[in-house]
């Protein structure tokens, strides 16, 4: 028999349920916020060629993608005609203070190494390219790096590094940050794209 001072088990369960509802709402809200931030920062940037504001793109090909921050690298043809490289990635730490929009004051030389693994723990550098005065743009958690127009002499060097097949590793390094991707386009396609772009007056 239940003592007169013993609370009803149904009442206890009801009280516990109410406490959980009150505590669960903020926990659920925190979880949803964390999920949204995770999606924003870790979505596949290799799938998205970002808008470039006043740069009018007439054609583009993706030449590398992947890496820690799901990055993507494109070669674009713009009115001029001009050929540029566009990287969509994420730059952590010190650049977090920068708001959205083009950041003309943040310029850097971009170094690209294209490697092809020839044996375990060994690689042969096929190309090393330098693009001065690349400009950042930050938008919605993405960092977009836009190079200056590629000199005509650099295009065969980049194309050759993608032959006979796309490289296993392409590294872009700039402003104490770097990202590694894998090649996804062969050198013949890059050459044909550049030729078509530069012929389009």
C-alpha atoms as a PDB file:
ATOM      1  CA  UNK A   1       0.000   0.000   0.000  1.00  0.00           C
ATOM      2  CA  UNK A   2       1.255   3.489  -0.910  1.00  0.00           C
ATOM      3  CA  UNK A   3       2.054   5.801   2.006  1.00  0.00           C
ATOM      4  CA  UNK A   4       0.042   9.007   2.234  1.00  0.00           C
ATOM      5  CA  UNK A   5       3.225  11.116   1.937  1.00  0.00           C
ATOM      6  CA  UNK A   6       4.481   9.238  -1.152  1.00  0.00           C
ATOM      7  CA  UNK A   7       3.953  11.210  -4.389  1.00  0.00           C
ATOM      8  CA  UNK A   8       1.969   9.640  -7.166  1.00  0.00           C
ATOM      9  CA  UNK A   9       4.301   8.068  -9.792  1.00  0.00           C
ATOM     10  CA  UNK A  10       2.175   9.549 -12.590  1.00  0.00           C
ATOM     11  CA  UNK A  11       2.716  13.050 -11.147  1.00  0.00           C
ATOM     12  CA  UNK A  12       6.482  12.451 -10.973  1.00  0.00           C
ATOM     13  CA  UNK A  13       6.605  11.333 -14.596  1.00  0.00           C
ATOM     14  CA  UNK A  14       4.553  14.347 -15.640  1.00  0.00           C
ATOM     15  CA  UNK A  15       6.838  16.734 -13.762  1.00  0.00           C
ATOM     16  CA  UNK A  16       9.928  15.148 -15.273  1.00  0.00           C
ATOM     17  CA  UNK A  17       8.385  15.427 -18.714  1.00  0.00           C
ATOM     18  CA  UNK A  18       7.689  19.132 -18.215  1.00  0.00           C
ATOM     19  CA  UNK A  19      11.248  19.721 -17.023  1.00  0.00           C
ATOM     20  CA  UNK A  20      12.593  17.949 -20.089  1.00  0.00           C
ATOM     21  CA  UNK A  21      10.406  20.023 -22.396  1.00  0.00           C
ATOM     22  CA  UNK A  22      11.661  23.241 -20.790  1.00  0.00           C
ATOM     23  CA  UNK A  23      15.311  22.124 -20.944  1.00  0.00           C
ATOM     24  CA  UNK A  24      15.013  20.459 -24.338  1.00  0.00           C
ATOM     25  CA  UNK A  25      13.937  23.557 -26.275  1.00  0.00           C
ATOM     26  CA  UNK A  26      17.188  25.514 -25.804  1.00  0.00           C
ATOM     27  CA  UNK A  27      19.249  22.354 -26.349  1.00  0.00           C
ATOM     28  CA  UNK A  28      17.396  21.680 -29.600  1.00  0.00           C
ATOM     29  CA  UNK A  29      17.898  25.308 -30.655  1.00  0.00           C
ATOM     30  CA  UNK A  30      21.647  25.083 -30.008  1.00  0.00           C
ATOM     31  CA  UNK A  31      21.808  21.842 -31.998  1.00  0.00           C
ATOM     32  CA  UNK A  32      20.002  23.370 -34.987  1.00  0.00           C
ATOM     33  CA  UNK A  33      22.258  26.459 -34.906  1.00  0.00           C
ATOM     34  CA  UNK A  34      25.384  24.285 -34.816  1.00  0.00           C
ATOM     35  CA  UNK A  35      24.041  22.203 -37.703  1.00  0.00           C
ATOM     36  CA  UNK A  36      23.361  25.291 -39.813  1.00  0.00           C
ATOM     37  CA  UNK A  37      26.870  26.654 -39.138  1.00  0.00           C
ATOM     38  CA  UNK A  38      28.417  23.290 -39.953  1.00  0.00           C
ATOM     39  CA  UNK A  39      26.586  23.109 -43.284  1.00  0.00           C
ATOM     40  CA  UNK A  40      27.558  26.716 -44.089  1.00  0.00           C
ATOM     41  CA  UNK A  41      31.258  26.128 -43.473  1.00  0.00           C
ATOM     42  CA  UNK A  42      31.614  22.542 -44.682  1.00  0.00           C
ATOM     43  CA  UNK A  43      29.447  22.403 -47.787  1.00  0.00           C
ATOM     44  CA  UNK A  44      31.068  21.247 -51.021  1.00  0.00           C
ATOM     45  CA  UNK A  45      32.688  24.393 -52.414  1.00  0.00           C
ATOM     46  CA  UNK A  46      34.090  22.286 -55.224  1.00  0.00           C
ATOM     47  CA  UNK A  47      30.628  22.217 -56.768  1.00  0.00           C
ATOM     48  CA  UNK A  48      30.048  25.970 -56.833  1.00  0.00           C
ATOM     49  CA  UNK A  49      31.710  28.534 -59.077  1.00  0.00           C
ATOM     50  CA  UNK A  50      30.926  31.713 -57.102  1.00  0.00           C
ATOM     51  CA  UNK A  51      29.615  34.947 -58.649  1.00  0.00           C
ATOM     52  CA  UNK A  52      32.414  37.423 -59.363  1.00  0.00           C
ATOM     53  CA  UNK A  53      30.541  40.755 -59.382  1.00  0.00           C
ATOM     54  CA  UNK A  54      31.998  42.960 -62.121  1.00  0.00           C
ATOM     55  CA  UNK A  55      33.962  40.110 -63.771  1.00  0.00           C
ATOM     56  CA  UNK A  56      31.744  38.917 -66.627  1.00  0.00           C
ATOM     57  CA  UNK A  57      32.427  35.195 -67.113  1.00  0.00           C
ATOM     58  CA  UNK A  58      31.742  33.879 -70.613  1.00  0.00           C
ATOM     59  CA  UNK A  59      32.998  30.321 -70.047  1.00  0.00           C
ATOM     60  CA  UNK A  60      34.574  28.191 -67.318  1.00  0.00           C
ATOM     61  CA  UNK A  61      36.000  24.757 -66.550  1.00  0.00           C
ATOM     62  CA  UNK A  62      36.785  23.198 -63.192  1.00  0.00           C
ATOM     63  CA  UNK A  63      40.381  21.992 -63.062  1.00  0.00           C
ATOM     64  CA  UNK A  64      40.725  20.837 -59.418  1.00  0.00           C
ATOM     65  CA  UNK A  65      38.607  20.064 -56.379  1.00  0.00           C
ATOM     66  CA  UNK A  66      38.621  18.449 -52.941  1.00  0.00           C
ATOM     67  CA  UNK A  67      40.855  18.862 -49.904  1.00  0.00           C
ATOM     68  CA  UNK A  68      40.181  19.657 -46.265  1.00  0.00           C
ATOM     69  CA  UNK A  69      37.758  22.485 -46.981  1.00  0.00           C
ATOM     70  CA  UNK A  70      36.031  20.898 -50.017  1.00  0.00           C
ATOM     71  CA  UNK A  71      37.639  23.481 -52.295  1.00  0.00           C
ATOM     72  CA  UNK A  72      37.193  24.003 -56.021  1.00  0.00           C
ATOM     73  CA  UNK A  73      39.502  25.620 -58.598  1.00  0.00           C
ATOM     74  CA  UNK A  74      38.187  26.935 -61.912  1.00  0.00           C
ATOM     75  CA  UNK A  75      39.722  28.446 -65.020  1.00  0.00           C
ATOM     76  CA  UNK A  76      37.427  31.169 -66.315  1.00  0.00           C
ATOM     77  CA  UNK A  77      37.212  33.133 -69.531  1.00  0.00           C
ATOM     78  CA  UNK A  78      36.097  36.731 -69.097  1.00  0.00           C
ATOM     79  CA  UNK A  79      35.492  39.640 -71.419  1.00  0.00           C
ATOM     80  CA  UNK A  80      38.759  40.978 -72.764  1.00  0.00           C
ATOM     81  CA  UNK A  81      39.334  38.162 -73.446  1.00  0.00           C
ATOM     82  CA  UNK A  82      41.155  37.173 -70.267  1.00  0.00           C
ATOM     83  CA  UNK A  83      41.849  33.897 -68.506  1.00  0.00           C
ATOM     84  CA  UNK A  84      41.892  33.806 -64.711  1.00  0.00           C
ATOM     85  CA  UNK A  85      41.848  31.226 -61.941  1.00  0.00           C
ATOM     86  CA  UNK A  86      39.124  31.265 -59.297  1.00  0.00           C
ATOM     87  CA  UNK A  87      39.398  29.342 -56.035  1.00  0.00           C
ATOM     88  CA  UNK A  88      36.414  28.738 -53.771  1.00  0.00           C
ATOM     89  CA  UNK A  89      37.592  27.618 -50.323  1.00  0.00           C
ATOM     90  CA  UNK A  90      37.549  28.535 -46.618  1.00  0.00           C
ATOM     91  CA  UNK A  91      40.279  30.519 -44.865  1.00  0.00           C
ATOM     92  CA  UNK A  92      40.222  30.092 -41.067  1.00  0.00           C
ATOM     93  CA  UNK A  93      41.512  32.194 -38.137  1.00  0.00           C
ATOM     94  CA  UNK A  94      42.900  35.640 -38.876  1.00  0.00           C
ATOM     95  CA  UNK A  95      40.618  36.348 -41.829  1.00  0.00           C
ATOM     96  CA  UNK A  96      37.456  35.772 -39.777  1.00  0.00           C
ATOM     97  CA  UNK A  97      37.275  39.473 -38.974  1.00  0.00           C
ATOM     98  CA  UNK A  98      36.718  40.398 -42.619  1.00  0.00           C
ATOM     99  CA  UNK A  99      33.185  41.132 -43.775  1.00  0.00           C
ATOM    100  CA  UNK A 100      31.558  40.153 -47.049  1.00  0.00           C
ATOM    101  CA  UNK A 101      32.704  41.752 -50.288  1.00  0.00           C
ATOM    102  CA  UNK A 102      35.881  42.196 -52.290  1.00  0.00           C
ATOM    103  CA  UNK A 103      38.857  42.997 -50.087  1.00  0.00           C
ATOM    104  CA  UNK A 104      41.193  44.964 -52.307  1.00  0.00           C
ATOM    105  CA  UNK A 105      43.633  45.596 -49.469  1.00  0.00           C
ATOM    106  CA  UNK A 106      44.151  41.857 -48.957  1.00  0.00           C
ATOM    107  CA  UNK A 107      46.325  40.904 -51.878  1.00  0.00           C
ATOM    108  CA  UNK A 108      48.835  38.107 -52.052  1.00  0.00           C
ATOM    109  CA  UNK A 109      51.031  36.208 -54.434  1.00  0.00           C
ATOM    110  CA  UNK A 110      49.509  32.797 -55.150  1.00  0.00           C
ATOM    111  CA  UNK A 111      51.879  29.862 -55.532  1.00  0.00           C
ATOM    112  CA  UNK A 112      50.676  26.713 -57.261  1.00  0.00           C
ATOM    113  CA  UNK A 113      52.588  23.444 -57.146  1.00  0.00           C
ATOM    114  CA  UNK A 114      51.387  20.592 -59.324  1.00  0.00           C
ATOM    115  CA  UNK A 115      52.785  17.235 -58.200  1.00  0.00           C
ATOM    116  CA  UNK A 116      52.519  13.763 -59.654  1.00  0.00           C
ATOM    117  CA  UNK A 117      53.334  10.891 -57.310  1.00  0.00           C
ATOM    118  CA  UNK A 118      55.873   8.567 -58.904  1.00  0.00           C
ATOM    119  CA  UNK A 119      56.638   6.322 -55.927  1.00  0.00           C
ATOM    120  CA  UNK A 120      55.597   5.919 -52.336  1.00  0.00           C
ATOM    121  CA  UNK A 121      56.718   8.940 -50.270  1.00  0.00           C
ATOM    122  CA  UNK A 122      58.199  10.567 -53.414  1.00  0.00           C
ATOM    123  CA  UNK A 123      56.750  13.074 -55.812  1.00  0.00           C
ATOM    124  CA  UNK A 124      58.002  14.971 -58.812  1.00  0.00           C
ATOM    125  CA  UNK A 125      57.029  18.636 -59.176  1.00  0.00           C
ATOM    126  CA  UNK A 126      55.630  19.171 -62.659  1.00  0.00           C
ATOM    127  CA  UNK A 127      54.854  22.884 -62.394  1.00  0.00           C
ATOM    128  CA  UNK A 128      55.321  25.837 -60.090  1.00  0.00           C
ATOM    129  CA  UNK A 129      53.304  28.905 -61.023  1.00  0.00           C
ATOM    130  CA  UNK A 130      53.167  32.320 -59.342  1.00  0.00           C
ATOM    131  CA  UNK A 131      50.234  34.715 -59.718  1.00  0.00           C
ATOM    132  CA  UNK A 132      50.849  38.136 -58.096  1.00  0.00           C
ATOM    133  CA  UNK A 133      48.181  40.333 -56.536  1.00  0.00           C
ATOM    134  CA  UNK A 134      45.324  37.867 -56.203  1.00  0.00           C
ATOM    135  CA  UNK A 135      42.269  39.367 -54.509  1.00  0.00           C
ATOM    136  CA  UNK A 136      39.980  37.865 -51.887  1.00  0.00           C
ATOM    137  CA  UNK A 137      36.264  38.015 -51.603  1.00  0.00           C
ATOM    138  CA  UNK A 138      34.370  36.644 -48.595  1.00  0.00           C
ATOM    139  CA  UNK A 139      30.707  35.739 -48.932  1.00  0.00           C
ATOM    140  CA  UNK A 140      28.550  33.663 -46.603  1.00  0.00           C
ATOM    141  CA  UNK A 141      31.406  31.643 -45.106  1.00  0.00           C
ATOM    142  CA  UNK A 142      33.196  31.137 -48.423  1.00  0.00           C
ATOM    143  CA  UNK A 143      36.527  32.684 -49.380  1.00  0.00           C
ATOM    144  CA  UNK A 144      36.949  33.352 -53.088  1.00  0.00           C
ATOM    145  CA  UNK A 145      40.398  33.962 -54.491  1.00  0.00           C
ATOM    146  CA  UNK A 146      40.592  35.628 -57.917  1.00  0.00           C
ATOM    147  CA  UNK A 147      43.923  35.800 -59.730  1.00  0.00           C
ATOM    148  CA  UNK A 148      44.999  38.485 -62.138  1.00  0.00           C
ATOM    149  CA  UNK A 149      44.791  37.503 -65.850  1.00  0.00           C
ATOM    150  CA  UNK A 150      47.099  34.616 -66.733  1.00  0.00           C
ATOM    151  CA  UNK A 151      49.987  35.516 -69.063  1.00  0.00           C
ATOM    152  CA  UNK A 152      49.818  33.535 -72.299  1.00  0.00           C
ATOM    153  CA  UNK A 153      53.205  31.945 -71.493  1.00  0.00           C
ATOM    154  CA  UNK A 154      51.850  30.401 -68.265  1.00  0.00           C
ATOM    155  CA  UNK A 155      49.000  28.499 -69.928  1.00  0.00           C
ATOM    156  CA  UNK A 156      51.183  25.853 -71.666  1.00  0.00           C
ATOM    157  CA  UNK A 157      53.026  25.274 -68.371  1.00  0.00           C
ATOM    158  CA  UNK A 158      49.774  24.595 -66.552  1.00  0.00           C
ATOM    159  CA  UNK A 159      48.445  22.461 -69.408  1.00  0.00           C
ATOM    160  CA  UNK A 160      51.621  20.355 -69.484  1.00  0.00           C
ATOM    161  CA  UNK A 161      51.305  19.676 -65.748  1.00  0.00           C
ATOM    162  CA  UNK A 162      47.895  18.117 -66.437  1.00  0.00           C
ATOM    163  CA  UNK A 163      49.247  15.661 -69.016  1.00  0.00           C
ATOM    164  CA  UNK A 164      48.830  12.826 -69.689  1.00  0.00           C
ATOM    165  CA  UNK A 165      46.233  12.742 -66.910  1.00  0.00           C
ATOM    166  CA  UNK A 166      45.066  15.217 -64.232  1.00  0.00           C
ATOM    167  CA  UNK A 167      47.550  15.417 -61.323  1.00  0.00           C
ATOM    168  CA  UNK A 168      46.893  13.663 -58.061  1.00  0.00           C
ATOM    169  CA  UNK A 169      47.756  16.786 -56.094  1.00  0.00           C
ATOM    170  CA  UNK A 170      47.597  20.504 -56.759  1.00  0.00           C
ATOM    171  CA  UNK A 171      48.597  22.808 -53.897  1.00  0.00           C
ATOM    172  CA  UNK A 172      47.710  26.499 -53.721  1.00  0.00           C
ATOM    173  CA  UNK A 173      49.570  28.517 -51.098  1.00  0.00           C
ATOM    174  CA  UNK A 174      48.940  32.169 -50.246  1.00  0.00           C
ATOM    175  CA  UNK A 175      49.076  34.484 -47.223  1.00  0.00           C
ATOM    176  CA  UNK A 176      50.241  31.706 -44.874  1.00  0.00           C
ATOM    177  CA  UNK A 177      47.336  29.509 -45.942  1.00  0.00           C
ATOM    178  CA  UNK A 178      47.213  26.577 -48.281  1.00  0.00           C
ATOM    179  CA  UNK A 179      44.802  24.058 -49.707  1.00  0.00           C
ATOM    180  CA  UNK A 180      45.364  20.813 -51.572  1.00  0.00           C
ATOM    181  CA  UNK A 181      43.091  19.464 -54.292  1.00  0.00           C
ATOM    182  CA  UNK A 182      43.183  16.818 -56.996  1.00  0.00           C
ATOM    183  CA  UNK A 183      43.100  17.587 -60.699  1.00  0.00           C
ATOM    184  CA  UNK A 184      39.854  16.829 -62.518  1.00  0.00           C
ATOM    185  CA  UNK A 185      40.596  18.052 -66.077  1.00  0.00           C
ATOM    186  CA  UNK A 186      43.321  16.912 -68.468  1.00  0.00           C
ATOM    187  CA  UNK A 187      45.839  19.231 -70.101  1.00  0.00           C
ATOM    188  CA  UNK A 188      44.383  18.910 -73.604  1.00  0.00           C
ATOM    189  CA  UNK A 189      41.033  20.205 -72.346  1.00  0.00           C
ATOM    190  CA  UNK A 190      42.776  23.115 -70.605  1.00  0.00           C
ATOM    191  CA  UNK A 191      44.668  23.999 -73.810  1.00  0.00           C
ATOM    192  CA  UNK A 192      41.501  23.850 -75.908  1.00  0.00           C
ATOM    193  CA  UNK A 193      39.635  26.009 -73.393  1.00  0.00           C
ATOM    194  CA  UNK A 194      42.387  28.651 -73.381  1.00  0.00           C
ATOM    195  CA  UNK A 195      42.604  28.692 -77.178  1.00  0.00           C
ATOM    196  CA  UNK A 196      38.828  29.063 -77.505  1.00  0.00           C
ATOM    197  CA  UNK A 197      38.758  31.839 -74.915  1.00  0.00           C
ATOM    198  CA  UNK A 198      41.598  33.902 -76.377  1.00  0.00           C
ATOM    199  CA  UNK A 199      40.101  33.597 -79.875  1.00  0.00           C
ATOM    200  CA  UNK A 200      36.788  35.079 -78.737  1.00  0.00           C
ATOM    201  CA  UNK A 201      37.325  38.797 -79.403  1.00  0.00           C
END
